[in-house]
Amino acid sequence: MKKVVFILSFLISISTGNISASTFQVKQTEAVRRPTVKLHYRALQPGEVIQVLLKESYSVREATARFLGKKYTFFKMKNSTEFLALIGLDLGVSPGAYTLNISILYSDNSHETISPNIKVVSKEFPVKRLWVEEKFVTPPKEVQERIQRESEILQTVYDIYTPMWLGEGQFIIPSEGEIVSNFGERRFFNNKPRSSHGGVDISSPSGFPVNASNSGRVLLAADLYFAGKTVIIDHGLGVHTIYCHFSKILVKRGEFLNKGKIIGKVGATGRVTGPHLHWGVKLYGSRVDPLSLLNLKFK
């Protein structure tokens, strides 16, 4: 294969309101037209989302990416020459330099691999102590089977992968109220250490409506022991949004929802200290901050 030249330009900003971009452009020396690879992200830290776009991809037949042991499939956006993939930097990823391998198959059956480096920097997460009913910290024996069953169901749900984008435009905040940016908090319940907080909380009065943050299909609508009344929506390409602690669920499993559809009402079910909405995101199983999705643009 002829030598390829990469031109790398970084525009770095890690503030909440800005999205950084990295561009990897391949010199046009082959018979087919090579795409430009663009990475968009809020920050390169644990819990962030990287949007990978193949722009001007007229000659691309298909493409995949491999990162940290996971394989991601690109989807060609509707009415566009762009291919899209979304990659999550899990809450637990260690700082360091990692290689993103993008494999491209062209219309003339030639192959190419582009391998930009992703440098993940460290992030400090706060510690919080909370007090709840003891049954939600040390569950009694009679609920252990239920907890195990629900854990297995959730794992099955998060393993579901839809190889196309179901979303419509940008993500929206699902409910009115004060957003508590507490993603990644290291939590102690009744002075006992538990898992880090995998979402953000929105403080709203009980009964406030909750909307789907983007279009997608309902994978779960159920009452869970720890999360309370919960809805999980599949937006495609491995993105699942999670909404917990409802007082009432207003959608059913298998239902396709448009962005903004009311899916439930704020409540205080499950392990909580009061009424609020827990909003989380899993991206191909990685725990990511839902706020990192808000400024990404989707055609």
Protein backbone atom coordinates (compact mmCIF):
# COMPACT_ATOMS: atom_id res chain seq x y z
CA MET A 1 0.00 0.00 0.00
CA LYS A 2 1.26 3.45 -0.81
CA LYS A 3 2.44 5.59 2.01
CA VAL A 4 -0.21 7.70 3.70
CA VAL A 5 0.38 11.03 5.36
CA PHE A 6 -1.53 12.12 8.45
CA ILE A 7 -2.09 15.76 9.23
CA LEU A 8 -3.08 16.11 12.87
CA SER A 9 -4.51 19.28 14.31
CA PHE A 10 -5.81 19.60 17.84
CA LEU A 11 -8.22 22.20 19.14
CA ILE A 12 -8.34 21.44 22.82
CA SER A 13 -11.05 22.63 25.18
CA ILE A 14 -12.43 20.72 28.13
CA SER A 15 -15.10 23.16 29.23
CA THR A 16 -18.67 21.89 29.36
CA GLY A 17 -19.88 24.20 26.60
CA ASN A 18 -17.25 23.35 23.99
CA ILE A 19 -16.45 20.35 21.88
CA SER A 20 -12.87 19.74 20.81
CA ALA A 21 -11.96 18.26 17.46
CA SER A 22 -9.04 16.28 16.10
CA THR A 23 -8.66 15.89 12.33
CA PHE A 24 -6.80 13.07 10.60
CA GLN A 25 -6.59 13.68 6.86
CA VAL A 26 -5.23 11.12 4.43
CA LYS A 27 -3.26 12.33 1.43
CA GLN A 28 -5.19 11.66 -1.76
CA THR A 29 -2.70 9.46 -3.62
CA GLU A 30 -4.92 6.47 -4.43
CA ALA A 31 -7.50 5.86 -7.14
CA VAL A 32 -10.36 6.18 -4.66
CA ARG A 33 -11.12 9.31 -2.70
CA ARG A 34 -9.97 9.04 0.92
CA PRO A 35 -12.10 10.41 3.78
CA THR A 36 -11.14 12.82 6.53
CA VAL A 37 -11.36 11.36 10.03
CA LYS A 38 -12.65 13.77 12.67
CA LEU A 39 -12.91 13.15 16.40
CA HIS A 40 -15.26 15.34 18.46
CA TYR A 41 -15.30 15.28 22.24
CA ARG A 42 -15.77 17.48 25.29
CA ALA A 43 -12.63 16.16 26.97
CA LEU A 44 -10.36 13.13 26.86
CA GLN A 45 -11.04 11.99 30.42
CA PRO A 46 -12.77 9.04 32.10
CA GLY A 47 -16.52 9.14 31.45
CA GLU A 48 -16.41 11.06 28.16
CA VAL A 49 -17.81 10.27 24.71
CA ILE A 50 -15.76 10.45 21.51
CA GLN A 51 -17.70 10.98 18.29
CA VAL A 52 -15.79 9.57 15.30
CA LEU A 53 -16.80 10.83 11.86
CA LEU A 54 -15.55 9.77 8.45
CA LYS A 55 -16.26 12.85 6.34
CA GLU A 56 -16.37 13.00 2.55
CA SER A 57 -16.47 9.22 2.55
CA TYR A 58 -17.76 8.77 -1.00
CA SER A 59 -15.55 5.74 -1.64
CA VAL A 60 -16.05 4.03 1.74
CA ARG A 61 -17.99 0.77 1.66
CA GLU A 62 -17.75 -0.04 5.35
CA ALA A 63 -15.63 0.79 8.38
CA THR A 64 -14.99 -0.48 11.89
CA ALA A 65 -13.00 0.76 14.86
CA ARG A 66 -11.24 -1.08 17.68
CA PHE A 67 -10.49 0.59 20.98
CA LEU A 68 -9.62 -0.89 24.37
CA GLY A 69 -10.67 -4.37 23.30
CA LYS A 70 -14.05 -3.39 21.85
CA LYS A 71 -15.13 -3.35 18.21
CA TYR A 72 -17.33 -0.51 16.94
CA THR A 73 -19.19 -0.48 13.63
CA PHE A 74 -19.58 2.75 11.67
CA PHE A 75 -23.04 3.69 10.39
CA LYS A 76 -23.61 5.79 7.28
CA MET A 77 -25.77 8.75 8.26
CA LYS A 78 -28.97 9.35 6.32
CA ASN A 79 -28.72 11.77 3.39
CA SER A 80 -25.02 12.27 4.11
CA THR A 81 -21.59 11.11 3.02
CA GLU A 82 -20.53 10.77 6.67
CA PHE A 83 -20.01 7.58 8.63
CA LEU A 84 -20.50 7.72 12.41
CA ALA A 85 -19.23 5.73 15.40
CA LEU A 86 -19.41 6.58 19.10
CA ILE A 87 -16.78 5.46 21.61
CA GLY A 88 -17.00 5.70 25.38
CA LEU A 89 -14.13 6.32 27.79
CA ASP A 90 -15.37 4.32 30.75
CA LEU A 91 -15.45 5.85 34.21
CA GLY A 92 -12.75 3.40 35.25
CA VAL A 93 -10.31 3.89 32.35
CA SER A 94 -6.75 4.65 33.46
CA PRO A 95 -4.91 7.75 32.19
CA GLY A 96 -2.50 7.07 29.35
CA ALA A 97 -2.03 6.91 25.59
CA TYR A 98 -4.24 4.47 23.67
CA THR A 99 -4.48 3.64 19.98
CA LEU A 100 -7.76 3.89 18.07
CA ASN A 101 -7.58 1.57 15.05
CA ILE A 102 -9.99 2.52 12.26
CA SER A 103 -10.25 -0.06 9.47
CA ILE A 104 -11.75 1.13 6.19
CA LEU A 105 -12.90 -0.95 3.21
CA TYR A 106 -13.18 1.04 -0.02
CA SER A 107 -15.39 0.53 -3.04
CA ASP A 108 -12.46 -0.87 -5.04
CA ASN A 109 -11.93 -3.54 -2.32
CA SER A 110 -8.75 -1.91 -1.04
CA HIS A 111 -8.24 -1.64 2.72
CA GLU A 112 -6.69 0.97 4.94
CA THR A 113 -6.09 1.36 8.67
CA ILE A 114 -5.82 4.73 10.35
CA SER A 115 -4.47 4.66 13.93
CA PRO A 116 -4.65 7.95 15.81
CA ASN A 117 -3.51 8.04 19.43
CA ILE A 118 -5.97 8.99 22.17
CA LYS A 119 -4.31 10.50 25.23
CA VAL A 120 -6.61 10.11 28.24
CA VAL A 121 -5.84 12.48 31.12
CA SER A 122 -6.79 11.91 34.75
CA LYS A 123 -9.87 13.31 36.46
CA GLU A 124 -10.58 13.61 40.17
CA PHE A 125 -14.05 12.62 41.36
CA PRO A 126 -15.49 13.82 44.67
CA VAL A 127 -16.51 11.64 47.62
CA LYS A 128 -20.05 11.79 49.00
CA ARG A 129 -21.69 10.21 52.05
CA LEU A 130 -25.39 9.42 51.94
CA TRP A 131 -27.87 7.94 54.40
CA VAL A 132 -30.63 5.62 53.22
CA GLU A 133 -32.69 2.74 54.58
CA GLU A 134 -30.35 -0.04 55.67
CA LYS A 135 -32.14 -2.58 53.43
CA PHE A 136 -30.66 -0.73 50.42
CA VAL A 137 -27.13 -0.98 51.84
CA THR A 138 -27.20 -4.52 53.22
CA PRO A 139 -30.17 -6.18 51.47
CA PRO A 140 -31.93 -8.97 53.41
CA LYS A 141 -31.60 -12.58 52.22
CA GLU A 142 -35.12 -12.72 50.82
CA VAL A 143 -34.29 -10.15 48.11
CA GLN A 144 -30.87 -11.53 47.09
CA GLU A 145 -32.34 -13.68 44.34
CA ARG A 146 -34.28 -10.71 42.96
CA ILE A 147 -31.16 -8.52 42.94
CA GLN A 148 -29.16 -11.21 41.11
CA ARG A 149 -31.94 -11.71 38.55
CA GLU A 150 -32.21 -7.98 37.89
CA SER A 151 -28.43 -7.72 37.51
CA GLU A 152 -28.50 -10.42 34.83
CA ILE A 153 -31.40 -8.70 33.03
CA LEU A 154 -29.53 -5.39 33.00
CA GLN A 155 -26.40 -7.02 31.62
CA THR A 156 -28.47 -8.59 28.83
CA VAL A 157 -30.03 -5.19 28.03
CA TYR A 158 -26.67 -3.42 27.90
CA ASP A 159 -25.31 -6.12 25.59
CA ILE A 160 -27.95 -5.28 22.96
CA TYR A 161 -26.33 -3.54 19.99
CA THR A 162 -28.35 -1.91 17.20
CA PRO A 163 -26.00 -1.28 14.21
CA MET A 164 -27.69 1.94 13.12
CA TRP A 165 -28.34 5.37 14.59
CA LEU A 166 -31.90 5.80 15.90
CA GLY A 167 -31.41 9.26 17.38
CA GLU A 168 -32.70 12.51 15.93
CA GLY A 169 -30.44 15.55 16.20
CA GLN A 170 -28.79 16.55 19.46
CA PHE A 171 -29.58 15.05 22.86
CA ILE A 172 -31.72 17.07 25.26
CA ILE A 173 -31.85 17.27 29.05
CA PRO A 174 -34.75 14.97 30.02
CA SER A 175 -36.36 17.00 32.80
CA GLU A 176 -36.60 20.46 34.28
CA GLY A 177 -34.78 21.09 37.52
CA GLU A 178 -31.31 21.67 38.91
CA ILE A 179 -28.67 19.44 37.34
CA VAL A 180 -26.24 18.03 39.88
CA SER A 181 -23.00 17.25 38.04
CA ASN A 182 -22.21 14.29 40.27
CA PHE A 183 -21.15 11.75 37.68
CA GLY A 184 -18.36 9.57 39.03
CA GLU A 185 -18.87 10.42 42.70
CA ARG A 186 -17.29 7.83 44.98
CA ARG A 187 -20.16 7.04 47.29
CA PHE A 188 -20.53 5.80 50.84
CA PHE A 189 -24.01 4.69 51.89
CA ASN A 190 -24.42 4.61 55.67
CA ASN A 191 -20.60 4.84 55.88
CA LYS A 192 -20.15 1.76 53.67
CA PRO A 193 -18.33 2.12 50.32
CA ARG A 194 -20.37 1.33 47.23
CA SER A 195 -19.89 1.72 43.46
CA SER A 196 -19.23 5.13 41.93
CA HIS A 197 -22.22 7.13 40.69
CA GLY A 198 -22.77 6.29 37.03
CA GLY A 199 -24.98 9.23 36.03
CA VAL A 200 -26.11 12.73 36.94
CA ASP A 201 -29.03 13.69 39.17
CA ILE A 202 -31.68 16.23 38.27
CA SER A 203 -33.49 17.67 41.29
CA SER A 204 -37.18 17.94 40.44
CA PRO A 205 -40.37 17.68 42.52
CA SER A 206 -42.19 14.37 42.57
CA GLY A 207 -44.55 14.04 39.62
CA PHE A 208 -42.55 16.24 37.21
CA PRO A 209 -42.55 14.81 33.65
CA VAL A 210 -39.45 13.13 32.24
CA ASN A 211 -38.78 13.17 28.50
CA ALA A 212 -36.78 10.84 26.25
CA SER A 213 -33.46 12.62 25.68
CA ASN A 214 -33.41 11.36 22.08
CA SER A 215 -35.34 9.07 19.79
CA GLY A 216 -35.01 5.33 20.29
CA ARG A 217 -36.59 2.08 21.39
CA VAL A 218 -37.52 1.13 24.96
CA LEU A 219 -35.49 -1.88 26.08
CA LEU A 220 -36.63 -1.92 29.71
CA ALA A 221 -39.53 -0.46 31.66
CA ALA A 222 -39.54 -2.09 35.09
CA ASP A 223 -39.36 -1.63 38.86
CA LEU A 224 -35.85 -2.55 40.08
CA TYR A 225 -34.69 -3.02 43.65
CA PHE A 226 -31.94 -0.39 43.73
CA ALA A 227 -32.90 1.87 40.79
CA GLY A 228 -36.65 1.88 41.45
CA LYS A 229 -39.00 2.37 38.51
CA THR A 230 -36.62 2.51 35.55
CA VAL A 231 -36.69 3.06 31.78
CA ILE A 232 -33.80 2.24 29.43
CA ILE A 233 -33.81 3.47 25.82
CA ASP A 234 -31.67 2.16 22.95
CA HIS A 235 -30.53 4.95 20.57
CA GLY A 236 -28.43 2.69 18.37
CA LEU A 237 -24.66 2.25 17.96
CA GLY A 238 -24.39 0.99 21.54
CA VAL A 239 -25.88 4.08 23.23
CA HIS A 240 -28.38 3.41 26.04
CA THR A 241 -29.88 6.15 28.19
CA ILE A 242 -31.11 5.25 31.68
CA TYR A 243 -33.81 7.00 33.73
CA CYS A 244 -34.36 5.90 37.34
CA HIS A 245 -36.49 6.42 40.47
CA PHE A 246 -39.76 7.21 38.65
CA SER A 247 -42.99 7.44 40.59
CA LYS A 248 -44.76 6.25 37.43
CA ILE A 249 -43.63 4.72 34.13
CA LEU A 250 -45.57 5.84 31.05
CA VAL A 251 -44.00 3.70 28.28
CA LYS A 252 -43.71 -0.01 27.50
CA ARG A 253 -40.84 -2.26 26.46
CA GLY A 254 -40.48 -2.42 22.68
CA GLU A 255 -42.11 0.97 22.08
CA PHE A 256 -40.34 3.34 19.67
CA LEU A 257 -40.17 6.90 21.02
CA ASN A 258 -39.54 10.24 19.40
CA LYS A 259 -37.21 12.65 21.16
CA GLY A 260 -39.06 14.56 23.89
CA LYS A 261 -41.74 11.91 24.45
CA ILE A 262 -42.85 11.81 28.11
CA ILE A 263 -41.68 8.47 29.49
CA GLY A 264 -42.44 8.81 33.20
CA LYS A 265 -42.73 11.02 36.25
CA VAL A 266 -40.08 11.95 38.79
CA GLY A 267 -40.27 9.96 42.02
CA ALA A 268 -38.33 8.52 44.91
CA THR A 269 -38.42 4.76 44.31
CA GLY A 270 -35.43 2.53 45.02
CA ARG A 271 -32.29 3.64 46.86
CA VAL A 272 -32.75 7.41 47.18
CA THR A 273 -32.65 10.21 49.71
CA GLY A 274 -35.55 12.06 48.08
CA PRO A 275 -37.37 12.73 44.78
CA HIS A 276 -35.10 13.24 41.78
CA LEU A 277 -34.26 11.84 38.34
CA HIS A 278 -31.13 9.77 37.87
CA TRP A 279 -30.04 10.13 34.23
CA GLY A 280 -27.30 7.84 33.00
CA VAL A 281 -25.72 6.58 29.79
CA LYS A 282 -24.03 3.33 28.87
CA LEU A 283 -22.08 3.34 25.61
CA TYR A 284 -21.27 -0.19 24.51
CA GLY A 285 -21.16 -1.06 28.20
CA SER A 286 -18.94 1.87 29.19
CA ARG A 287 -20.22 4.23 31.89
CA VAL A 288 -20.18 7.76 30.47
CA ASP A 289 -21.38 11.16 31.62
CA PRO A 290 -24.67 12.02 29.84
CA LEU A 291 -23.67 15.69 29.83
CA SER A 292 -20.81 14.80 27.46
CA LEU A 293 -23.42 13.97 24.79
CA LEU A 294 -25.26 17.28 24.84
CA ASN A 295 -23.02 19.32 22.51
CA LEU A 296 -22.32 16.58 19.98
CA LYS A 297 -24.11 17.20 16.69
CA PHE A 298 -25.89 14.47 14.77
CA LYS A 299 -27.26 15.07 11.27
